C-alpha atoms as a PDB file:
ATOM      1  CA  TYR A   1     -19.635 -36.858  -1.764  1.00  0.00           C
ATOM      2  CA  PRO A   2     -22.761 -37.077   0.319  1.00  0.00           C
ATOM      3  CA  MET A   3     -23.475 -40.243   2.247  1.00  0.00           C
ATOM      4  CA  THR A   4     -26.375 -42.284   0.854  1.00  0.00           C
ATOM      5  CA  THR A   5     -25.640 -45.780   2.542  1.00  0.00           C
ATOM      6  CA  LYS A   6     -26.196 -46.516   6.494  1.00  0.00           C
ATOM      7  CA  ASN A   7     -23.050 -46.715   8.183  1.00  0.00           C
ATOM      8  CA  TYR A   8     -22.836 -49.116  11.320  1.00  0.00           C
ATOM      9  CA  PHE A   9     -23.813 -45.664  13.414  1.00  0.00           C
ATOM     10  CA  ILE A  10     -26.952 -45.633  11.816  1.00  0.00           C
ATOM     11  CA  ARG A  11     -27.897 -49.386  11.476  1.00  0.00           C
ATOM     12  CA  SER A  12     -27.211 -49.985  15.237  1.00  0.00           C
ATOM     13  CA  PHE A  13     -28.854 -47.446  16.886  1.00  0.00           C
ATOM     14  CA  ASN A  14     -32.192 -48.563  17.158  1.00  0.00           C
ATOM     15  CA  LEU A  15     -31.313 -52.096  17.791  1.00  0.00           C
ATOM     16  CA  ILE A  16     -29.427 -50.717  20.590  1.00  0.00           C
ATOM     17  CA  LEU A  17     -32.182 -48.248  21.636  1.00  0.00           C
ATOM     18  CA  TYR A  18     -34.580 -51.768  21.764  1.00  0.00           C
ATOM     19  CA  LEU A  19     -32.008 -53.499  23.562  1.00  0.00           C
ATOM     20  CA  PHE A  20     -31.383 -51.124  26.539  1.00  0.00           C
ATOM     21  CA  LEU A  21     -35.810 -50.751  26.843  1.00  0.00           C
ATOM     22  CA  PHE A  22     -35.909 -54.404  26.505  1.00  0.00           C
ATOM     23  CA  ALA A  23     -33.520 -55.450  29.284  1.00  0.00           C
ATOM     24  CA  PRO A  24     -35.144 -53.187  32.177  1.00  0.00           C
ATOM     25  CA  ILE A  25     -38.469 -54.781  31.689  1.00  0.00           C
ATOM     26  CA  CYS A  26     -37.097 -58.544  31.045  1.00  0.00           C
ATOM     27  CA  SER A  27     -35.539 -57.674  34.610  1.00  0.00           C
ATOM     28  CA  ALA A  28     -38.821 -56.416  35.858  1.00  0.00           C
ATOM     29  CA  PHE A  29     -40.603 -59.807  34.215  1.00  0.00           C
ATOM     30  CA  GLY A  30     -37.234 -61.632  36.254  1.00  0.00           C
ATOM     31  CA  TRP A  31     -38.400 -60.097  39.856  1.00  0.00           C
ATOM     32  CA  LEU A  32     -42.187 -60.329  39.516  1.00  0.00           C
ATOM     33  CA  PHE A  33     -42.166 -63.949  38.926  1.00  0.00           C
ATOM     34  CA  ASN A  34     -39.345 -64.309  41.533  1.00  0.00           C
ATOM     35  CA  TYR A  35     -41.647 -62.282  44.258  1.00  0.00           C
ATOM     36  CA  LEU A  36     -44.660 -65.011  43.141  1.00  0.00           C
ATOM     37  CA  SER A  37     -42.148 -67.742  43.587  1.00  0.00           C
ATOM     38  CA  VAL A  38     -41.738 -66.225  47.553  1.00  0.00           C
ATOM     39  CA  GLN A  39     -45.433 -65.970  48.088  1.00  0.00           C
ATOM     40  CA  LEU A  40     -46.113 -69.336  46.850  1.00  0.00           C
ATOM     41  CA  THR A  41     -43.811 -70.918  49.746  1.00  0.00           C
ATOM     42  CA  ASN A  42     -45.463 -69.087  52.454  1.00  0.00           C
ATOM     43  CA  ILE A  43     -48.925 -71.169  50.960  1.00  0.00           C
ATOM     44  CA  THR A  44     -48.484 -74.306  52.986  1.00  0.00           C
ATOM     45  CA  PHE A  45     -51.869 -75.718  52.869  1.00  0.00           C
ATOM     46  CA  VAL A  46     -51.609 -77.145  49.511  1.00  0.00           C
ATOM     47  CA  ASN A  47     -48.355 -78.452  47.237  1.00  0.00           C
ATOM     48  CA  LEU A  48     -47.679 -75.924  44.871  1.00  0.00           C
ATOM     49  CA  ASP A  49     -44.302 -77.484  44.329  1.00  0.00           C
ATOM     50  CA  THR A  50     -44.423 -77.681  40.334  1.00  0.00           C
ATOM     51  CA  VAL A  51     -46.115 -73.917  39.706  1.00  0.00           C
ATOM     52  CA  LYS A  52     -43.329 -72.990  42.009  1.00  0.00           C
ATOM     53  CA  SER A  53     -40.413 -74.557  40.179  1.00  0.00           C
ATOM     54  CA  ILE A  54     -42.454 -73.083  37.049  1.00  0.00           C
ATOM     55  CA  THR A  55     -42.246 -69.284  38.556  1.00  0.00           C
ATOM     56  CA  ASP A  56     -38.506 -70.049  39.465  1.00  0.00           C
ATOM     57  CA  ILE A  57     -37.449 -71.112  35.510  1.00  0.00           C
ATOM     58  CA  ILE A  58     -39.591 -68.257  34.089  1.00  0.00           C
ATOM     59  CA  SER A  59     -37.437 -65.141  36.873  1.00  0.00           C
ATOM     60  CA  SER A  60     -34.151 -67.174  36.065  1.00  0.00           C
ATOM     61  CA  VAL A  61     -35.202 -66.775  32.254  1.00  0.00           C
ATOM     62  CA  CYS A  62     -36.195 -63.577  31.997  1.00  0.00           C
ATOM     63  CA  HIS A  63     -32.926 -61.957  34.696  1.00  0.00           C
ATOM     64  CA  GLY A  64     -30.961 -63.939  31.928  1.00  0.00           C
ATOM     65  CA  PHE A  65     -32.660 -62.541  28.582  1.00  0.00           C
ATOM     66  CA  ALA A  66     -31.954 -59.179  30.795  1.00  0.00           C
ATOM     67  CA  LEU A  67     -28.483 -59.808  31.158  1.00  0.00           C
ATOM     68  CA  ILE A  68     -27.776 -61.124  27.851  1.00  0.00           C
ATOM     69  CA  SER A  69     -29.702 -57.787  26.570  1.00  0.00           C
ATOM     70  CA  LEU A  70     -27.745 -55.569  28.630  1.00  0.00           C
ATOM     71  CA  LEU A  71     -24.386 -57.027  27.605  1.00  0.00           C
ATOM     72  CA  LEU A  72     -25.141 -57.358  24.002  1.00  0.00           C
ATOM     73  CA  ALA A  73     -25.889 -53.557  24.109  1.00  0.00           C
ATOM     74  CA  LEU A  74     -23.024 -52.653  25.960  1.00  0.00           C
ATOM     75  CA  PHE A  75     -20.923 -54.461  23.166  1.00  0.00           C
ATOM     76  CA  LEU A  76     -22.542 -52.882  20.580  1.00  0.00           C
ATOM     77  CA  VAL A  77     -21.850 -49.917  21.847  1.00  0.00           C
ATOM     78  CA  GLY A  78     -18.623 -50.216  22.711  1.00  0.00           C
ATOM     79  CA  LEU A  79     -17.745 -51.290  18.583  1.00  0.00           C
ATOM     80  CA  GLU A  80     -18.821 -47.799  17.713  1.00  0.00           C
ATOM     81  CA  ILE A  81     -16.979 -45.997  20.870  1.00  0.00           C
ATOM     82  CA  ILE A  82     -14.148 -47.996  19.970  1.00  0.00           C
ATOM     83  CA  GLN A  83     -14.422 -46.363  16.468  1.00  0.00           C
ATOM     84  CA  ARG A  84     -15.217 -43.286  16.920  1.00  0.00           C
ATOM     85  CA  LEU A  85     -11.986 -42.607  19.220  1.00  0.00           C
ATOM     86  CA  LYS A  86      -9.889 -43.976  16.136  1.00  0.00           C
ATOM     87  CA  THR A  87     -11.517 -41.696  13.450  1.00  0.00           C
ATOM     88  CA  ASP A  88     -13.748 -38.899  15.271  1.00  0.00           C
ATOM     89  CA  SER A  89     -14.866 -38.218  18.739  1.00  0.00           C
ATOM     90  CA  LEU A  90     -16.525 -39.731  21.704  1.00  0.00           C
ATOM     91  CA  TRP A  91     -18.209 -36.017  21.477  1.00  0.00           C
ATOM     92  CA  ASN A  92     -19.808 -36.444  18.119  1.00  0.00           C
ATOM     93  CA  TYR A  93     -21.143 -39.737  19.353  1.00  0.00           C
ATOM     94  CA  ILE A  94     -22.922 -37.884  22.453  1.00  0.00           C
ATOM     95  CA  GLN A  95     -23.810 -35.098  20.356  1.00  0.00           C
ATOM     96  CA  SER A  96     -25.193 -37.769  17.295  1.00  0.00           C
ATOM     97  CA  VAL A  97     -27.262 -39.460  20.140  1.00  0.00           C
ATOM     98  CA  TYR A  98     -28.649 -36.418  21.637  1.00  0.00           C
ATOM     99  CA  HIS A  99     -29.375 -34.682  18.338  1.00  0.00           C
ATOM    100  CA  THR A 100     -31.135 -37.947  16.596  1.00  0.00           C
ATOM    101  CA  PHE A 101     -33.721 -37.684  20.005  1.00  0.00           C
ATOM    102  CA  LEU A 102     -33.822 -33.739  19.508  1.00  0.00           C
ATOM    103  CA  LEU A 103     -35.141 -34.173  15.615  1.00  0.00           C
ATOM    104  CA  ARG A 104     -37.330 -37.146  16.382  1.00  0.00           C
ATOM    105  CA  HIS A 105     -38.921 -35.109  18.182  1.00  0.00           C
ATOM    106  CA  PHE A 106     -39.509 -32.251  16.518  1.00  0.00           C
ATOM    107  CA  LEU A 107     -40.651 -34.579  13.384  1.00  0.00           C
ATOM    108  CA  PHE A 108     -43.196 -36.383  15.848  1.00  0.00           C
ATOM    109  CA  GLN A 109     -46.836 -35.823  15.085  1.00  0.00           C
ATOM    110  CA  ARG A 110     -48.924 -35.747  18.392  1.00  0.00           C
ATOM    111  CA  GLU A 111     -52.751 -36.649  18.458  1.00  0.00           C
ATOM    112  CA  ARG A 112     -55.251 -33.630  17.548  1.00  0.00           C
ATOM    113  CA  VAL A 113     -57.942 -34.063  20.312  1.00  0.00           C
ATOM    114  CA  GLN A 114     -61.205 -33.202  19.123  1.00  0.00           C
ATOM    115  CA  LYS A 115     -63.918 -31.898  21.778  1.00  0.00           C
ATOM    116  CA  ILE A 116     -67.504 -32.792  21.185  1.00  0.00           C
ATOM    117  CA  SER A 117     -69.672 -30.550  21.816  1.00  0.00           C
ATOM    118  CA  ASN A 118     -72.218 -32.613  23.580  1.00  0.00           C
ATOM    119  CA  LEU A 119     -74.235 -31.821  26.635  1.00  0.00           C
ATOM    120  CA  GLU A 120     -71.749 -33.366  29.229  1.00  0.00           C
ATOM    121  CA  HIS A 121     -69.012 -31.592  27.223  1.00  0.00           C
ATOM    122  CA  GLN A 122     -66.739 -34.727  26.931  1.00  0.00           C
ATOM    123  CA  THR A 123     -63.709 -34.681  25.021  1.00  0.00           C
ATOM    124  CA  VAL A 124     -62.645 -37.528  22.659  1.00  0.00           C
ATOM    125  CA  THR A 125     -59.163 -38.052  21.174  1.00  0.00           C
ATOM    126  CA  THR A 126     -59.270 -39.879  17.980  1.00  0.00           C
ATOM    127  CA  ILE A 127     -56.164 -41.546  17.210  1.00  0.00           C
ATOM    128  CA  ASN A 128     -55.171 -40.163  13.549  1.00  0.00           C
ATOM    129  CA  PRO A 129     -54.053 -43.405  11.422  1.00  0.00           C
ATOM    130  CA  ILE A 130     -51.773 -41.215   8.945  1.00  0.00           C
ATOM    131  CA  HIS A 131     -49.475 -40.460  12.286  1.00  0.00           C
ATOM    132  CA  ASN A 132     -49.052 -43.376  13.131  1.00  0.00           C
ATOM    133  CA  GLY A 133     -47.777 -44.214   9.843  1.00  0.00           C
ATOM    134  CA  PHE A 134     -45.769 -41.188   9.869  1.00  0.00           C
ATOM    135  CA  ASN A 135     -44.285 -41.545  13.471  1.00  0.00           C
ATOM    136  CA  ARG A 136     -43.468 -44.908  12.756  1.00  0.00           C
ATOM    137  CA  ALA A 137     -40.881 -44.071  10.261  1.00  0.00           C
ATOM    138  CA  VAL A 138     -39.582 -40.692  12.414  1.00  0.00           C
ATOM    139  CA  ARG A 139     -38.666 -43.700  15.079  1.00  0.00           C
ATOM    140  CA  LYS A 140     -36.172 -44.691  12.291  1.00  0.00           C
ATOM    141  CA  CYS A 141     -35.047 -41.106  11.844  1.00  0.00           C
ATOM    142  CA  ILE A 142     -31.194 -40.944  12.775  1.00  0.00           C
ATOM    143  CA  VAL A 143     -28.603 -37.781  13.221  1.00  0.00           C
ATOM    144  CA  ASP A 144     -25.038 -38.555  12.657  1.00  0.00           C
ATOM    145  CA  ILE A 145     -22.599 -35.995  13.447  1.00  0.00           C
ATOM    146  CA  ARG A 146     -18.848 -36.265  12.522  1.00  0.00           C
ATOM    147  CA  LYS A 147     -15.700 -34.081  12.529  1.00  0.00           C
ATOM    148  CA  ASP A 148     -16.305 -32.104   8.920  1.00  0.00           C
ATOM    149  CA  THR A 149     -19.905 -33.335   7.956  1.00  0.00           C
ATOM    150  CA  ILE A 150     -23.485 -34.699   9.689  1.00  0.00           C
ATOM    151  CA  THR A 151     -25.768 -36.844   7.579  1.00  0.00           C
ATOM    152  CA  ILE A 152     -29.223 -37.141   8.202  1.00  0.00           C
ATOM    153  CA  PHE A 153     -31.276 -40.164   7.814  1.00  0.00           C
ATOM    154  CA  LEU A 154     -34.946 -40.238   7.276  1.00  0.00           C
ATOM    155  CA  LYS A 155     -37.792 -42.914   6.686  1.00  0.00           C
ATOM    156  CA  VAL A 156     -40.063 -42.173   4.229  1.00  0.00           C
ATOM    157  CA  PRO A 157     -43.825 -43.147   5.257  1.00  0.00           C
ATOM    158  CA  ARG A 158     -44.894 -45.672   3.182  1.00  0.00           C
ATOM    159  CA  ASP A 159     -48.534 -44.000   2.924  1.00  0.00           C
ATOM    160  CA  GLN A 160     -49.332 -41.596   0.597  1.00  0.00           C
ATOM    161  CA  GLN A 161     -50.450 -39.669   3.429  1.00  0.00           C
ATOM    162  CA  GLY A 162     -47.799 -39.711   5.804  1.00  0.00           C
ATOM    163  CA  GLN A 163     -45.909 -38.915   2.352  1.00  0.00           C
ATOM    164  CA  LYS A 164     -47.940 -35.840   2.467  1.00  0.00           C
ATOM    165  CA  ILE A 165     -46.820 -34.476   5.777  1.00  0.00           C
ATOM    166  CA  LEU A 166     -42.992 -35.010   5.090  1.00  0.00           C
ATOM    167  CA  LYS A 167     -43.311 -33.348   2.037  1.00  0.00           C
ATOM    168  CA  GLU A 168     -45.235 -30.341   3.895  1.00  0.00           C
ATOM    169  CA  MET A 169     -42.790 -30.483   6.305  1.00  0.00           C
ATOM    170  CA  GLU A 170     -39.863 -30.330   4.191  1.00  0.00           C
ATOM    171  CA  ALA A 171     -38.877 -26.888   4.559  1.00  0.00           C
ATOM    172  CA  GLN A 172     -39.268 -26.965   8.107  1.00  0.00           C
ATOM    173  CA  LEU A 173     -37.247 -28.989   8.762  1.00  0.00           C
ATOM    174  CA  LYS A 174     -34.316 -28.262   6.592  1.00  0.00           C
ATOM    175  CA  GLU A 175     -34.853 -24.812   8.593  1.00  0.00           C
ATOM    176  CA  GLU A 176     -34.717 -26.800  11.691  1.00  0.00           C
ATOM    177  CA  ILE A 177     -31.549 -29.054  11.001  1.00  0.00           C
ATOM    178  CA  VAL A 178     -30.186 -25.550   9.983  1.00  0.00           C
ATOM    179  CA  SER A 179     -30.527 -23.938  12.746  1.00  0.00           C
ATOM    180  CA  GLN A 180     -29.741 -26.936  15.209  1.00  0.00           C
ATOM    181  CA  HIS A 181     -26.249 -27.458  13.285  1.00  0.00           C
ATOM    182  CA  ALA A 182     -25.308 -23.401  12.127  1.00  0.00           C
ATOM    183  CA  ASP A 183     -21.314 -24.246  11.578  1.00  0.00           C
ATOM    184  CA  TYR A 184     -22.296 -26.686   8.518  1.00  0.00           C
ATOM    185  CA  TYR A 185     -23.579 -26.208   5.399  1.00  0.00           C
ATOM    186  CA  PHE A 186     -26.487 -28.421   3.870  1.00  0.00           C
ATOM    187  CA  SER A 187     -27.022 -29.468   0.229  1.00  0.00           C
ATOM    188  CA  SER A 188     -30.226 -30.334  -0.969  1.00  0.00           C
ATOM    189  CA  PRO A 189     -32.126 -33.777   0.530  1.00  0.00           C
ATOM    190  CA  ILE A 190     -31.558 -36.566  -1.766  1.00  0.00           C
ATOM    191  CA  ARG A 191     -34.175 -39.304  -1.947  1.00  0.00           C
ATOM    192  CA  VAL A 192     -33.178 -42.967  -2.488  1.00  0.00           C
ATOM    193  CA  ARG A 193     -35.672 -45.080  -2.780  1.00  0.00           C
ATOM    194  CA  ASN A 194     -37.842 -45.006   1.092  1.00  0.00           C
ATOM    195  CA  GLN A 195     -35.034 -43.113   2.369  1.00  0.00           C
ATOM    196  CA  LEU A 196     -34.140 -39.451   2.347  1.00  0.00           C
ATOM    197  CA  TRP A 197     -30.791 -37.950   3.515  1.00  0.00           C
ATOM    198  CA  PHE A 198     -29.263 -34.619   3.999  1.00  0.00           C
ATOM    199  CA  THR A 199     -25.811 -34.078   4.041  1.00  0.00           C
ATOM    200  CA  GLY A 200     -24.057 -31.043   5.519  1.00  0.00           C
ATOM    201  CA  GLN A 201     -20.465 -30.048   5.366  1.00  0.00           C
ATOM    202  CA  LYS A 202     -18.346 -28.312   8.393  1.00  0.00           C
ATOM    203  CA  ARG A 203     -18.114 -24.262   7.508  1.00  0.00           C
END
């Protein structure tokens, strides 16, 4: 029976990713404010104690957020690893993460560069809002590989244009999925509201 509800892996994937990205950013801000604080100590001709105490606080808060983000991400990953070791395998977890990024890369729509033929031969990149909406949906795509099954979750773009791109890509997408997972056979995708599900069974 094909799965059309999000499991823990699908629900937590992007949250873990954002936490891992958030931690170094906070850490960098922490170092920046700490550096600023050190520089302020060197200024002697004016009293900057109040400013210094503020930069110290900001630095501590940023480092705190970085640590919390990192620990929370590791905790959530730990839960998934424990679950996998009990019912599946760690290798499938690694494969799931790898194939999720692979499929996102495949689906991602790159900007078309328009060449404007004027006297200076300038090149202007135009940002296509259709692609923006479509790519936002692509960033939610997840590939979940298990012992006997593969579940692929895709968010259907909200706008009509984005849905049109997805519809046009459907055959190509199915072909890509099948070629990436040759030892599974896939049923036709199932659409549940704004979600598209591909399910594969081990041959």
